[in-house]
Amino acid sequence: LQFGVTDESVAGAADGAIQLGVSGGTPPYTFEWSNDASSKNINNLQAGTYVVTVTDSNGCSATGSATVEATTVACLPLVELPYEESFETGLGDWLQLINDHFDWTRNTGSTPTSGTGPEAASHGSYYLFAEADGHEGKKAVLEGPCFDLSTASTPMLAFDYHLYGSEMGSLTFQVSTTAGASWTGLYQIAGHQGNSWQTALVDLSDYAGQIVKLRFIATIDGQRSDLAIDHLRLGEDLSTGLTDLSRSSLLTLWPNPAQDRLQVRLETSVAESLQWQLVDCLGRAHAQGELQPFAGLAELELAVDRLPNGFYLLVLQGDSGPPLSKRFVVQR
C-alpha cells in the first residue's frame, strides 16, 4: 500500500486528504477505513492517523495507516493578560479588516447623525463607532491581536457597547483558535438597546489554555444605526471588575449562592430611577425591571428559581454614570 497525504491547512479546517495506491492481489478491491469510509481515497480529514484494510477478490487483505498533520500557523502579535483598551491614543492592537465594506471610526463626542450613537465615550474621551450613514446593509470588521490564554483558568472579555437608533443593526463578537482562518460566533447584540452605554461580559473559559484571536463585526441596518464599543477588558473572571467601585459597598446580595430567591439591598444618596437586569456570563438578559426614583435604602426580592445553575450578574443602570453590578451564583 502506498499513501499520498495532504495535511490540514490549519488545525480544525478538516481539509486534509489521503490518496491510496494499491499493488498486487486480484482486483476488484474493497476498502475499510478507521473513519468508516469505504472509498479508495478519503477527503475532508482533520489531523489524525487513519488505518485502512484493503481486501482483494480472493479474500486476501493488507492493512496500513497514514497520518494527516495540521499545519501550524503562527499567531502574532501575542498579547498577554490582563489587557485593557479604550482607544485613547488610537486603535491600540486592533486592526481594520481590509476586505470588509467600511472601517470603524475613532471618535470623541457625539456621532454626526442625530437620533443615533453615543454622545460621549463610556471610559476616557474616545470610543470606536460604525457610521451608519451611507453604509446601509454593510459590515465593518475590527480584528484584535492574538491573546495568550495559556495561564488563564477563567478568562473573560468585558466590553462596553452602545446601540441606540430606530434602525439599529447588530454587533457580533467572534473568536478564532486558528489564527483567523476560521471563526466562531460567541455573542450578538441586535436592535435598539437604549440611549446609554451598557456592559457585556463574555465567558471565554472554553478557550482557557489556548491562543485566540478576537473580532467585532458591526452590521448596519438603516441610517439611524450608529453602534459603538469602548473600554475592552480581557482577564481572569472580570465579573467583579464590572462593579463601579465608588458605589460597590452600597449594593448587597444574599443568599449567595441563591436557590429560588435573591435578596437585594441598595443604598444611594442620588434620587434616580434604576433599570435592573439579571445577566448570564454570555451577556444574555434573563429578567429585567425598573426601580422608581428613590434616595436612601431600597430592598427587593428577585425570583431566580427559573435560572439554570451558574454565574450571573445583577446589573443596575441609573440615569447617569456607569452601571453598577455584582456577581451571584445560582446553585441547587
C-alpha atoms as a PDB file:
ATOM      1  CA  LEU A   1       0.000   0.000   0.000  1.00  0.00           C
ATOM      2  CA  GLN A   2       1.252   3.477  -0.873  1.00  0.00           C
ATOM      3  CA  PHE A   3      -0.101   6.672   0.691  1.00  0.00           C
ATOM      4  CA  GLY A   4      -0.150  10.249  -0.519  1.00  0.00           C
ATOM      5  CA  VAL A   5      -1.097  12.682   2.250  1.00  0.00           C
ATOM      6  CA  THR A   6      -2.370  16.258   2.107  1.00  0.00           C
ATOM      7  CA  ASP A   7      -2.158  17.888   5.544  1.00  0.00           C
ATOM      8  CA  GLU A   8      -4.780  20.177   7.059  1.00  0.00           C
ATOM      9  CA  SER A   9      -4.164  23.778   6.042  1.00  0.00           C
ATOM     10  CA  VAL A  10      -4.713  24.766   9.670  1.00  0.00           C
ATOM     11  CA  ALA A  11      -5.941  22.932  12.759  1.00  0.00           C
ATOM     12  CA  GLY A  12      -9.682  22.368  12.598  1.00  0.00           C
ATOM     13  CA  ALA A  13     -10.027  23.139   8.885  1.00  0.00           C
ATOM     14  CA  ALA A  14     -10.879  19.496   8.021  1.00  0.00           C
ATOM     15  CA  ASP A  15      -9.382  19.819   4.534  1.00  0.00           C
ATOM     16  CA  GLY A  16      -6.795  17.037   4.721  1.00  0.00           C
ATOM     17  CA  ALA A  17      -6.796  14.103   2.290  1.00  0.00           C
ATOM     18  CA  ILE A  18      -5.247  10.660   1.747  1.00  0.00           C
ATOM     19  CA  GLN A  19      -4.703   9.135  -1.701  1.00  0.00           C
ATOM     20  CA  LEU A  20      -4.193   5.363  -1.632  1.00  0.00           C
ATOM     21  CA  GLY A  21      -2.184   3.328  -4.093  1.00  0.00           C
ATOM     22  CA  VAL A  22      -2.675  -0.471  -4.246  1.00  0.00           C
ATOM     23  CA  SER A  23      -0.455  -3.016  -5.997  1.00  0.00           C
ATOM     24  CA  GLY A  24      -0.633  -6.801  -6.055  1.00  0.00           C
ATOM     25  CA  GLY A  25      -3.569  -9.030  -5.300  1.00  0.00           C
ATOM     26  CA  THR A  26      -6.521  -9.545  -7.557  1.00  0.00           C
ATOM     27  CA  PRO A  27      -8.913  -6.674  -8.174  1.00  0.00           C
ATOM     28  CA  PRO A  28     -11.525  -5.509  -7.513  1.00  0.00           C
ATOM     29  CA  TYR A  29     -10.632  -4.301  -4.038  1.00  0.00           C
ATOM     30  CA  THR A  30     -12.736  -3.244  -1.069  1.00  0.00           C
ATOM     31  CA  PHE A  31     -11.598  -0.580   1.382  1.00  0.00           C
ATOM     32  CA  GLU A  32     -12.392  -0.275   5.083  1.00  0.00           C
ATOM     33  CA  TRP A  33     -11.050   2.857   6.787  1.00  0.00           C
ATOM     34  CA  SER A  34     -10.973   3.547  10.521  1.00  0.00           C
ATOM     35  CA  ASN A  35     -13.281   6.544   9.982  1.00  0.00           C
ATOM     36  CA  ASP A  36     -15.863   4.196   8.370  1.00  0.00           C
ATOM     37  CA  ALA A  37     -15.106   5.378   4.839  1.00  0.00           C
ATOM     38  CA  SER A  38     -15.236   2.726   2.119  1.00  0.00           C
ATOM     39  CA  SER A  39     -13.715   4.587  -0.830  1.00  0.00           C
ATOM     40  CA  LYS A  40     -10.153   4.258  -2.089  1.00  0.00           C
ATOM     41  CA  ASN A  41      -9.259   7.879  -1.374  1.00  0.00           C
ATOM     42  CA  ILE A  42     -10.622   9.898   1.547  1.00  0.00           C
ATOM     43  CA  ASN A  43     -11.040  13.668   1.873  1.00  0.00           C
ATOM     44  CA  ASN A  44     -12.202  16.377   4.299  1.00  0.00           C
ATOM     45  CA  LEU A  45      -9.981  14.996   7.045  1.00  0.00           C
ATOM     46  CA  GLN A  46      -8.884  16.510  10.318  1.00  0.00           C
ATOM     47  CA  ALA A  47      -5.438  15.839  11.751  1.00  0.00           C
ATOM     48  CA  GLY A  48      -5.010  12.253  12.941  1.00  0.00           C
ATOM     49  CA  THR A  49      -3.973   8.739  11.970  1.00  0.00           C
ATOM     50  CA  TYR A  50      -6.206   6.779   9.610  1.00  0.00           C
ATOM     51  CA  VAL A  51      -5.988   2.975   9.250  1.00  0.00           C
ATOM     52  CA  VAL A  52      -7.206   1.136   6.151  1.00  0.00           C
ATOM     53  CA  THR A  53      -7.707  -2.544   5.366  1.00  0.00           C
ATOM     54  CA  VAL A  54      -7.730  -3.465   1.674  1.00  0.00           C
ATOM     55  CA  THR A  55      -9.239  -6.809   0.639  1.00  0.00           C
ATOM     56  CA  ASP A  56      -8.961  -8.265  -2.869  1.00  0.00           C
ATOM     57  CA  SER A  57     -11.424 -10.526  -4.695  1.00  0.00           C
ATOM     58  CA  ASN A  58      -9.750 -13.647  -3.283  1.00  0.00           C
ATOM     59  CA  GLY A  59     -10.228 -12.513   0.311  1.00  0.00           C
ATOM     60  CA  CYS A  60      -6.569 -11.611   0.827  1.00  0.00           C
ATOM     61  CA  SER A  61      -6.088  -8.414   2.824  1.00  0.00           C
ATOM     62  CA  ALA A  62      -3.420  -5.891   3.727  1.00  0.00           C
ATOM     63  CA  THR A  63      -3.533  -3.178   6.391  1.00  0.00           C
ATOM     64  CA  GLY A  64      -1.701   0.134   6.540  1.00  0.00           C
ATOM     65  CA  SER A  65      -2.012   3.609   8.000  1.00  0.00           C
ATOM     66  CA  ALA A  66      -1.283   7.230   7.184  1.00  0.00           C
ATOM     67  CA  THR A  67      -1.166  10.338   9.347  1.00  0.00           C
ATOM     68  CA  VAL A  68      -2.642  13.719   8.467  1.00  0.00           C
ATOM     69  CA  GLU A  69      -0.990  16.584  10.308  1.00  0.00           C
ATOM     70  CA  ALA A  70      -2.188  20.143  10.898  1.00  0.00           C
ATOM     71  CA  THR A  71      -0.094  22.952   9.501  1.00  0.00           C
ATOM     72  CA  THR A  72       0.993  25.218  12.347  1.00  0.00           C
ATOM     73  CA  VAL A  73       0.211  28.886  11.772  1.00  0.00           C
ATOM     74  CA  ALA A  74       1.993  31.396  13.976  1.00  0.00           C
ATOM     75  CA  CYS A  75      -0.422  33.786  15.688  1.00  0.00           C
ATOM     76  CA  LEU A  76       1.273  37.164  16.087  1.00  0.00           C
ATOM     77  CA  PRO A  77       1.469  39.619  17.729  1.00  0.00           C
ATOM     78  CA  LEU A  78       0.881  37.781  21.014  1.00  0.00           C
ATOM     79  CA  VAL A  79      -0.666  39.753  23.889  1.00  0.00           C
ATOM     80  CA  GLU A  80      -0.727  38.545  27.483  1.00  0.00           C
ATOM     81  CA  LEU A  81      -3.400  39.079  30.134  1.00  0.00           C
ATOM     82  CA  PRO A  82      -4.605  41.253  31.752  1.00  0.00           C
ATOM     83  CA  TYR A  83      -5.473  43.531  28.844  1.00  0.00           C
ATOM     84  CA  GLU A  84      -7.350  46.821  28.587  1.00  0.00           C
ATOM     85  CA  GLU A  85      -8.022  49.162  25.664  1.00  0.00           C
ATOM     86  CA  SER A  86     -10.113  52.353  25.495  1.00  0.00           C
ATOM     87  CA  PHE A  87      -8.783  53.727  22.178  1.00  0.00           C
ATOM     88  CA  GLU A  88      -7.494  56.903  23.808  1.00  0.00           C
ATOM     89  CA  THR A  89      -4.382  57.104  21.590  1.00  0.00           C
ATOM     90  CA  GLY A  90      -5.536  55.140  18.556  1.00  0.00           C
ATOM     91  CA  LEU A  91      -6.667  51.620  17.750  1.00  0.00           C
ATOM     92  CA  GLY A  92      -4.060  50.014  20.001  1.00  0.00           C
ATOM     93  CA  ASP A  93      -3.561  46.377  18.994  1.00  0.00           C
ATOM     94  CA  TRP A  94      -6.713  46.277  16.852  1.00  0.00           C
ATOM     95  CA  LEU A  95      -6.803  46.414  13.049  1.00  0.00           C
ATOM     96  CA  GLN A  96      -9.376  47.395  10.451  1.00  0.00           C
ATOM     97  CA  LEU A  97     -10.093  44.461   8.135  1.00  0.00           C
ATOM     98  CA  ILE A  98      -9.204  45.411   4.564  1.00  0.00           C
ATOM     99  CA  ASN A  99     -11.710  43.185   2.752  1.00  0.00           C
ATOM    100  CA  ASP A 100     -14.883  44.307   4.556  1.00  0.00           C
ATOM    101  CA  HIS A 101     -17.182  47.131   3.433  1.00  0.00           C
ATOM    102  CA  PHE A 102     -16.008  50.082   5.539  1.00  0.00           C
ATOM    103  CA  ASP A 103     -13.935  50.978   8.617  1.00  0.00           C
ATOM    104  CA  TRP A 104     -14.749  51.715  12.221  1.00  0.00           C
ATOM    105  CA  THR A 105     -14.269  55.363  13.237  1.00  0.00           C
ATOM    106  CA  ARG A 106     -12.444  56.598  16.322  1.00  0.00           C
ATOM    107  CA  ASN A 107     -14.458  59.445  17.789  1.00  0.00           C
ATOM    108  CA  THR A 108     -14.936  61.785  20.721  1.00  0.00           C
ATOM    109  CA  GLY A 109     -18.236  63.475  21.494  1.00  0.00           C
ATOM    110  CA  SER A 110     -21.387  62.638  19.558  1.00  0.00           C
ATOM    111  CA  THR A 111     -21.680  60.951  16.172  1.00  0.00           C
ATOM    112  CA  PRO A 112     -22.658  63.032  13.100  1.00  0.00           C
ATOM    113  CA  THR A 113     -26.170  61.585  12.682  1.00  0.00           C
ATOM    114  CA  SER A 114     -28.905  62.717  15.063  1.00  0.00           C
ATOM    115  CA  GLY A 115     -31.063  60.152  16.821  1.00  0.00           C
ATOM    116  CA  THR A 116     -28.364  57.518  16.981  1.00  0.00           C
ATOM    117  CA  GLY A 117     -24.951  56.874  18.504  1.00  0.00           C
ATOM    118  CA  PRO A 118     -23.475  57.930  21.856  1.00  0.00           C
ATOM    119  CA  GLU A 119     -22.813  61.497  22.942  1.00  0.00           C
ATOM    120  CA  ALA A 120     -19.555  60.648  24.714  1.00  0.00           C
ATOM    121  CA  ALA A 121     -17.236  57.752  25.498  1.00  0.00           C
ATOM    122  CA  SER A 122     -18.021  55.336  28.296  1.00  0.00           C
ATOM    123  CA  HIS A 123     -14.411  55.453  29.518  1.00  0.00           C
ATOM    124  CA  GLY A 124     -11.995  58.275  28.828  1.00  0.00           C
ATOM    125  CA  SER A 125     -12.618  60.564  25.864  1.00  0.00           C
ATOM    126  CA  TYR A 126     -12.578  58.320  22.794  1.00  0.00           C
ATOM    127  CA  TYR A 127     -14.517  55.323  21.514  1.00  0.00           C
ATOM    128  CA  LEU A 128     -14.994  53.439  18.234  1.00  0.00           C
ATOM    129  CA  PHE A 129     -18.213  53.518  16.248  1.00  0.00           C
ATOM    130  CA  ALA A 130     -19.549  52.234  12.942  1.00  0.00           C
ATOM    131  CA  GLU A 131     -21.032  55.081  10.925  1.00  0.00           C
ATOM    132  CA  ALA A 132     -24.411  54.060   9.516  1.00  0.00           C
ATOM    133  CA  ASP A 133     -24.963  56.905   7.056  1.00  0.00           C
ATOM    134  CA  GLY A 134     -24.120  55.627   3.577  1.00  0.00           C
ATOM    135  CA  HIS A 135     -23.369  52.100   4.805  1.00  0.00           C
ATOM    136  CA  GLU A 136     -26.835  50.552   4.977  1.00  0.00           C
ATOM    137  CA  GLY A 137     -26.636  46.751   4.764  1.00  0.00           C
ATOM    138  CA  LYS A 138     -22.845  46.737   5.066  1.00  0.00           C
ATOM    139  CA  LYS A 139     -20.359  45.371   7.602  1.00  0.00           C
ATOM    140  CA  ALA A 140     -17.267  46.734   9.353  1.00  0.00           C
ATOM    141  CA  VAL A 141     -14.843  44.279  10.969  1.00  0.00           C
ATOM    142  CA  LEU A 142     -12.414  45.156  13.767  1.00  0.00           C
ATOM    143  CA  GLU A 143      -9.864  42.403  14.370  1.00  0.00           C
ATOM    144  CA  GLY A 144      -7.780  42.058  17.508  1.00  0.00           C
ATOM    145  CA  PRO A 145      -4.343  40.569  18.149  1.00  0.00           C
ATOM    146  CA  CYS A 146      -3.603  37.061  19.396  1.00  0.00           C
ATOM    147  CA  PHE A 147      -4.347  36.752  23.106  1.00  0.00           C
ATOM    148  CA  ASP A 148      -2.418  34.238  25.190  1.00  0.00           C
ATOM    149  CA  LEU A 149      -4.859  32.425  27.475  1.00  0.00           C
ATOM    150  CA  SER A 150      -2.343  29.685  28.330  1.00  0.00           C
ATOM    151  CA  THR A 151      -2.168  30.648  32.011  1.00  0.00           C
ATOM    152  CA  ALA A 152      -5.836  31.638  32.433  1.00  0.00           C
ATOM    153  CA  SER A 153      -8.341  29.325  34.095  1.00  0.00           C
ATOM    154  CA  THR A 154     -11.463  31.530  33.788  1.00  0.00           C
ATOM    155  CA  PRO A 155     -10.718  34.087  31.055  1.00  0.00           C
ATOM    156  CA  MET A 156     -13.443  36.609  30.294  1.00  0.00           C
ATOM    157  CA  LEU A 157     -13.934  39.569  27.992  1.00  0.00           C
ATOM    158  CA  ALA A 158     -15.818  42.653  29.121  1.00  0.00           C
ATOM    159  CA  PHE A 159     -16.650  45.499  26.766  1.00  0.00           C
ATOM    160  CA  ASP A 160     -18.963  48.491  26.728  1.00  0.00           C
ATOM    161  CA  TYR A 161     -21.412  48.883  23.860  1.00  0.00           C
ATOM    162  CA  HIS A 162     -23.912  51.487  22.686  1.00  0.00           C
ATOM    163  CA  LEU A 163     -26.696  50.508  20.257  1.00  0.00           C
ATOM    164  CA  TYR A 164     -29.087  53.436  20.067  1.00  0.00           C
ATOM    165  CA  GLY A 165     -31.217  54.114  17.000  1.00  0.00           C
ATOM    166  CA  SER A 166     -34.571  53.304  15.431  1.00  0.00           C
ATOM    167  CA  GLU A 167     -32.929  51.386  12.557  1.00  0.00           C
ATOM    168  CA  MET A 168     -30.259  49.644  14.627  1.00  0.00           C
ATOM    169  CA  GLY A 169     -28.370  46.703  13.149  1.00  0.00           C
ATOM    170  CA  SER A 170     -26.255  44.270  15.139  1.00  0.00           C
ATOM    171  CA  LEU A 171     -22.909  43.823  16.868  1.00  0.00           C
ATOM    172  CA  THR A 172     -21.300  40.384  16.701  1.00  0.00           C
ATOM    173  CA  PHE A 173     -18.307  39.118  18.678  1.00  0.00           C
ATOM    174  CA  GLN A 174     -16.304  36.151  17.355  1.00  0.00           C
ATOM    175  CA  VAL A 175     -13.291  34.078  18.448  1.00  0.00           C
ATOM    176  CA  SER A 176     -10.720  32.128  16.428  1.00  0.00           C
ATOM    177  CA  THR A 177      -8.321  29.396  17.551  1.00  0.00           C
ATOM    178  CA  THR A 178      -6.845  29.093  14.051  1.00  0.00           C
ATOM    179  CA  ALA A 179      -5.063  32.468  13.823  1.00  0.00           C
ATOM    180  CA  GLY A 180      -8.062  33.886  11.977  1.00  0.00           C
ATOM    181  CA  ALA A 181      -8.535  31.079   9.434  1.00  0.00           C
ATOM    182  CA  SER A 182     -11.968  30.246  10.866  1.00  0.00           C
ATOM    183  CA  TRP A 183     -14.249  31.974  13.366  1.00  0.00           C
ATOM    184  CA  THR A 184     -16.876  31.020  15.934  1.00  0.00           C
ATOM    185  CA  GLY A 185     -19.616  33.426  16.996  1.00  0.00           C
ATOM    186  CA  LEU A 186     -19.938  33.808  20.773  1.00  0.00           C
ATOM    187  CA  TYR A 187     -22.082  36.887  21.307  1.00  0.00           C
ATOM    188  CA  GLN A 188     -24.502  39.066  19.352  1.00  0.00           C
ATOM    189  CA  ILE A 189     -26.498  42.156  20.263  1.00  0.00           C
ATOM    190  CA  ALA A 190     -29.162  43.289  17.815  1.00  0.00           C
ATOM    191  CA  GLY A 191     -31.654  46.121  17.637  1.00  0.00           C
ATOM    192  CA  HIS A 192     -32.191  49.267  19.678  1.00  0.00           C
ATOM    193  CA  GLN A 193     -30.786  48.897  23.223  1.00  0.00           C
ATOM    194  CA  GLY A 194     -31.487  52.368  24.616  1.00  0.00           C
ATOM    195  CA  ASN A 195     -29.513  55.589  24.716  1.00  0.00           C
ATOM    196  CA  SER A 196     -26.899  54.528  27.258  1.00  0.00           C
ATOM    197  CA  TRP A 197     -23.676  52.585  27.426  1.00  0.00           C
ATOM    198  CA  GLN A 198     -24.056  49.013  28.627  1.00  0.00           C
ATOM    199  CA  THR A 199     -21.514  46.359  29.555  1.00  0.00           C
ATOM    200  CA  ALA A 200     -21.271  42.888  28.057  1.00  0.00           C
ATOM    201  CA  LEU A 201     -19.462  40.005  29.721  1.00  0.00           C
ATOM    202  CA  VAL A 202     -18.327  37.084  27.545  1.00  0.00           C
ATOM    203  CA  ASP A 203     -17.152  33.850  29.149  1.00  0.00           C
ATOM    204  CA  LEU A 204     -14.015  32.527  27.396  1.00  0.00           C
ATOM    205  CA  SER A 205     -13.357  29.652  29.803  1.00  0.00           C
ATOM    206  CA  ASP A 206     -13.833  27.132  26.972  1.00  0.00           C
ATOM    207  CA  TYR A 207     -10.664  28.615  25.453  1.00  0.00           C
ATOM    208  CA  ALA A 208      -8.525  28.564  28.607  1.00  0.00           C
ATOM    209  CA  GLY A 209      -5.006  27.370  27.843  1.00  0.00           C
ATOM    210  CA  GLN A 210      -5.212  28.368  24.175  1.00  0.00           C
ATOM    211  CA  ILE A 211      -4.166  31.269  21.963  1.00  0.00           C
ATOM    212  CA  VAL A 212      -7.122  33.078  20.412  1.00  0.00           C
ATOM    213  CA  LYS A 213      -7.907  35.991  18.123  1.00  0.00           C
ATOM    214  CA  LEU A 214     -10.990  38.128  18.692  1.00  0.00           C
ATOM    215  CA  ARG A 215     -13.011  40.369  16.417  1.00  0.00           C
ATOM    216  CA  PHE A 216     -16.090  42.602  16.354  1.00  0.00           C
ATOM    217  CA  ILE A 217     -18.431  42.852  13.363  1.00  0.00           C
ATOM    218  CA  ALA A 218     -20.793  45.814  13.016  1.00  0.00           C
ATOM    219  CA  THR A 219     -23.724  45.191  10.673  1.00  0.00           C
ATOM    220  CA  ILE A 220     -25.600  48.324   9.643  1.00  0.00           C
ATOM    221  CA  ASP A 221     -29.348  48.339   9.061  1.00  0.00           C
ATOM    222  CA  GLY A 222     -30.669  51.824   8.351  1.00  0.00           C
ATOM    223  CA  GLN A 223     -29.340  55.368   8.616  1.00  0.00           C
ATOM    224  CA  ARG A 224     -30.004  55.574  12.358  1.00  0.00           C
ATOM    225  CA  SER A 225     -27.788  52.629  13.190  1.00  0.00           C
ATOM    226  CA  ASP A 226     -24.560  54.119  14.598  1.00  0.00           C
ATOM    227  CA  LEU A 227     -23.227  51.498  17.028  1.00  0.00           C
ATOM    228  CA  ALA A 228     -20.194  51.884  19.272  1.00  0.00           C
ATOM    229  CA  ILE A 229     -17.785  49.982  21.511  1.00  0.00           C
ATOM    230  CA  ASP A 230     -15.387  51.136  24.221  1.00  0.00           C
ATOM    231  CA  HIS A 231     -13.306  50.002  27.191  1.00  0.00           C
ATOM    232  CA  LEU A 232     -12.341  46.429  26.283  1.00  0.00           C
ATOM    233  CA  ARG A 233     -11.033  44.309  29.182  1.00  0.00           C
ATOM    234  CA  LEU A 234      -9.682  40.790  28.959  1.00  0.00           C
ATOM    235  CA  GLY A 235      -8.583  38.870  32.038  1.00  0.00           C
ATOM    236  CA  GLU A 236      -9.485  36.401  34.770  1.00  0.00           C
ATOM    237  CA  ASP A 237     -13.127  36.461  35.972  1.00  0.00           C
ATOM    238  CA  LEU A 238     -13.920  40.072  35.164  1.00  0.00           C
ATOM    239  CA  SER A 239     -17.391  39.938  36.682  1.00  0.00           C
ATOM    240  CA  THR A 240     -16.091  41.576  39.841  1.00  0.00           C
ATOM    241  CA  GLY A 241     -14.262  44.153  37.736  1.00  0.00           C
ATOM    242  CA  LEU A 242     -17.519  45.403  36.260  1.00  0.00           C
ATOM    243  CA  THR A 243     -18.572  46.955  39.539  1.00  0.00           C
ATOM    244  CA  ASP A 244     -18.348  50.710  39.892  1.00  0.00           C
ATOM    245  CA  LEU A 245     -16.031  50.637  42.900  1.00  0.00           C
ATOM    246  CA  SER A 246     -17.112  54.024  44.202  1.00  0.00           C
ATOM    247  CA  ARG A 247     -20.591  52.561  44.798  1.00  0.00           C
ATOM    248  CA  SER A 248     -19.913  48.834  45.289  1.00  0.00           C
ATOM    249  CA  SER A 249     -20.285  48.877  49.066  1.00  0.00           C
ATOM    250  CA  LEU A 250     -23.851  50.180  48.650  1.00  0.00           C
ATOM    251  CA  LEU A 251     -25.111  47.040  46.878  1.00  0.00           C
ATOM    252  CA  THR A 252     -25.595  43.816  48.846  1.00  0.00           C
ATOM    253  CA  LEU A 253     -26.923  40.454  47.618  1.00  0.00           C
ATOM    254  CA  TRP A 254     -27.898  37.438  49.718  1.00  0.00           C
ATOM    255  CA  PRO A 255     -28.054  34.481  49.949  1.00  0.00           C
ATOM    256  CA  ASN A 256     -25.140  33.856  47.632  1.00  0.00           C
ATOM    257  CA  PRO A 257     -25.293  31.146  46.288  1.00  0.00           C
ATOM    258  CA  ALA A 258     -29.044  31.535  45.810  1.00  0.00           C
ATOM    259  CA  GLN A 259     -31.622  28.863  45.056  1.00  0.00           C
ATOM    260  CA  ASP A 260     -35.081  30.366  44.449  1.00  0.00           C
ATOM    261  CA  ARG A 261     -34.977  33.961  45.714  1.00  0.00           C
ATOM    262  CA  LEU A 262     -32.284  36.649  45.706  1.00  0.00           C
ATOM    263  CA  GLN A 263     -32.495  39.465  48.251  1.00  0.00           C
ATOM    264  CA  VAL A 264     -31.152  42.841  47.124  1.00  0.00           C
ATOM    265  CA  ARG A 265     -30.323  45.858  49.264  1.00  0.00           C
ATOM    266  CA  LEU A 266     -29.253  49.122  47.662  1.00  0.00           C
ATOM    267  CA  GLU A 267     -28.381  52.351  49.409  1.00  0.00           C
ATOM    268  CA  THR A 268     -27.868  55.534  47.421  1.00  0.00           C
ATOM    269  CA  SER A 269     -27.828  59.250  48.058  1.00  0.00           C
ATOM    270  CA  VAL A 270     -28.856  60.092  44.485  1.00  0.00           C
ATOM    271  CA  ALA A 271     -32.578  60.066  43.680  1.00  0.00           C
ATOM    272  CA  GLU A 272     -32.820  58.421  40.259  1.00  0.00           C
ATOM    273  CA  SER A 273     -34.691  55.602  38.596  1.00  0.00           C
ATOM    274  CA  LEU A 274     -32.727  52.393  38.069  1.00  0.00           C
ATOM    275  CA  GLN A 275     -33.089  49.760  35.379  1.00  0.00           C
ATOM    276  CA  TRP A 276     -32.049  46.287  36.522  1.00  0.00           C
ATOM    277  CA  GLN A 277     -31.164  43.118  34.619  1.00  0.00           C
ATOM    278  CA  LEU A 278     -30.163  39.580  35.547  1.00  0.00           C
ATOM    279  CA  VAL A 279     -27.448  38.708  33.025  1.00  0.00           C
ATOM    280  CA  ASP A 280     -25.604  35.444  32.446  1.00  0.00           C
ATOM    281  CA  CYS A 281     -21.924  35.075  31.500  1.00  0.00           C
ATOM    282  CA  LEU A 282     -22.787  35.300  27.791  1.00  0.00           C
ATOM    283  CA  GLY A 283     -24.430  38.665  28.324  1.00  0.00           C
ATOM    284  CA  ARG A 284     -27.975  37.369  27.856  1.00  0.00           C
ATOM    285  CA  ALA A 285     -30.623  39.078  29.983  1.00  0.00           C
ATOM    286  CA  HIS A 286     -32.943  36.598  31.739  1.00  0.00           C
ATOM    287  CA  ALA A 287     -35.049  39.136  33.639  1.00  0.00           C
ATOM    288  CA  GLN A 288     -35.332  42.900  33.889  1.00  0.00           C
ATOM    289  CA  GLY A 289     -37.284  45.624  35.585  1.00  0.00           C
ATOM    290  CA  GLU A 290     -37.218  49.167  36.937  1.00  0.00           C
ATOM    291  CA  LEU A 291     -36.885  50.762  40.367  1.00  0.00           C
ATOM    292  CA  GLN A 292     -38.736  54.041  40.791  1.00  0.00           C
ATOM    293  CA  PRO A 293     -36.644  57.066  41.838  1.00  0.00           C
ATOM    294  CA  PHE A 294     -35.600  56.978  45.478  1.00  0.00           C
ATOM    295  CA  ALA A 295     -32.867  58.187  47.801  1.00  0.00           C
ATOM    296  CA  GLY A 296     -31.811  56.152  50.797  1.00  0.00           C
ATOM    297  CA  LEU A 297     -32.312  52.427  51.296  1.00  0.00           C
ATOM    298  CA  ALA A 298     -34.242  50.101  48.993  1.00  0.00           C
ATOM    299  CA  GLU A 299     -34.769  46.373  49.332  1.00  0.00           C
ATOM    300  CA  LEU A 300     -36.305  43.988  46.828  1.00  0.00           C
ATOM    301  CA  GLU A 301     -36.625  40.280  46.225  1.00  0.00           C
ATOM    302  CA  LEU A 302     -35.895  38.775  42.817  1.00  0.00           C
ATOM    303  CA  ALA A 303     -37.067  35.342  41.689  1.00  0.00           C
ATOM    304  CA  VAL A 304     -34.199  33.217  40.361  1.00  0.00           C
ATOM    305  CA  ASP A 305     -35.950  29.845  40.535  1.00  0.00           C
ATOM    306  CA  ARG A 306     -36.126  29.582  36.741  1.00  0.00           C
ATOM    307  CA  LEU A 307     -32.441  30.317  36.196  1.00  0.00           C
ATOM    308  CA  PRO A 308     -30.161  27.328  35.500  1.00  0.00           C
ATOM    309  CA  ASN A 309     -27.228  26.789  37.854  1.00  0.00           C
ATOM    310  CA  GLY A 310     -24.343  29.118  37.058  1.00  0.00           C
ATOM    311  CA  PHE A 311     -22.807  32.567  37.471  1.00  0.00           C
ATOM    312  CA  TYR A 312     -24.903  35.702  36.931  1.00  0.00           C
ATOM    313  CA  LEU A 313     -24.698  39.464  37.291  1.00  0.00           C
ATOM    314  CA  LEU A 314     -27.254  41.818  38.728  1.00  0.00           C
ATOM    315  CA  VAL A 315     -26.697  44.966  36.660  1.00  0.00           C
ATOM    316  CA  LEU A 316     -28.164  48.313  37.750  1.00  0.00           C
ATOM    317  CA  GLN A 317     -28.119  51.258  35.347  1.00  0.00           C
ATOM    318  CA  GLY A 318     -29.091  54.715  36.523  1.00  0.00           C
ATOM    319  CA  ASP A 319     -29.858  57.885  34.608  1.00  0.00           C
ATOM    320  CA  SER A 320     -26.185  58.828  34.623  1.00  0.00           C
ATOM    321  CA  GLY A 321     -22.826  57.290  35.347  1.00  0.00           C
ATOM    322  CA  PRO A 322     -21.533  53.779  34.716  1.00  0.00           C
ATOM    323  CA  PRO A 323     -23.579  50.676  35.543  1.00  0.00           C
ATOM    324  CA  LEU A 324     -23.342  49.079  38.967  1.00  0.00           C
ATOM    325  CA  SER A 325     -23.110  45.297  39.050  1.00  0.00           C
ATOM    326  CA  LYS A 326     -22.464  42.454  41.433  1.00  0.00           C
ATOM    327  CA  ARG A 327     -21.983  38.774  40.767  1.00  0.00           C
ATOM    328  CA  PHE A 328     -24.058  35.998  42.309  1.00  0.00           C
ATOM    329  CA  VAL A 329     -24.348  32.244  41.899  1.00  0.00           C
ATOM    330  CA  VAL A 330     -27.433  30.091  41.403  1.00  0.00           C
ATOM    331  CA  GLN A 331     -26.828  26.651  42.878  1.00  0.00           C
ATOM    332  CA  ARG A 332     -29.318  23.951  43.818  1.00  0.00           C
END
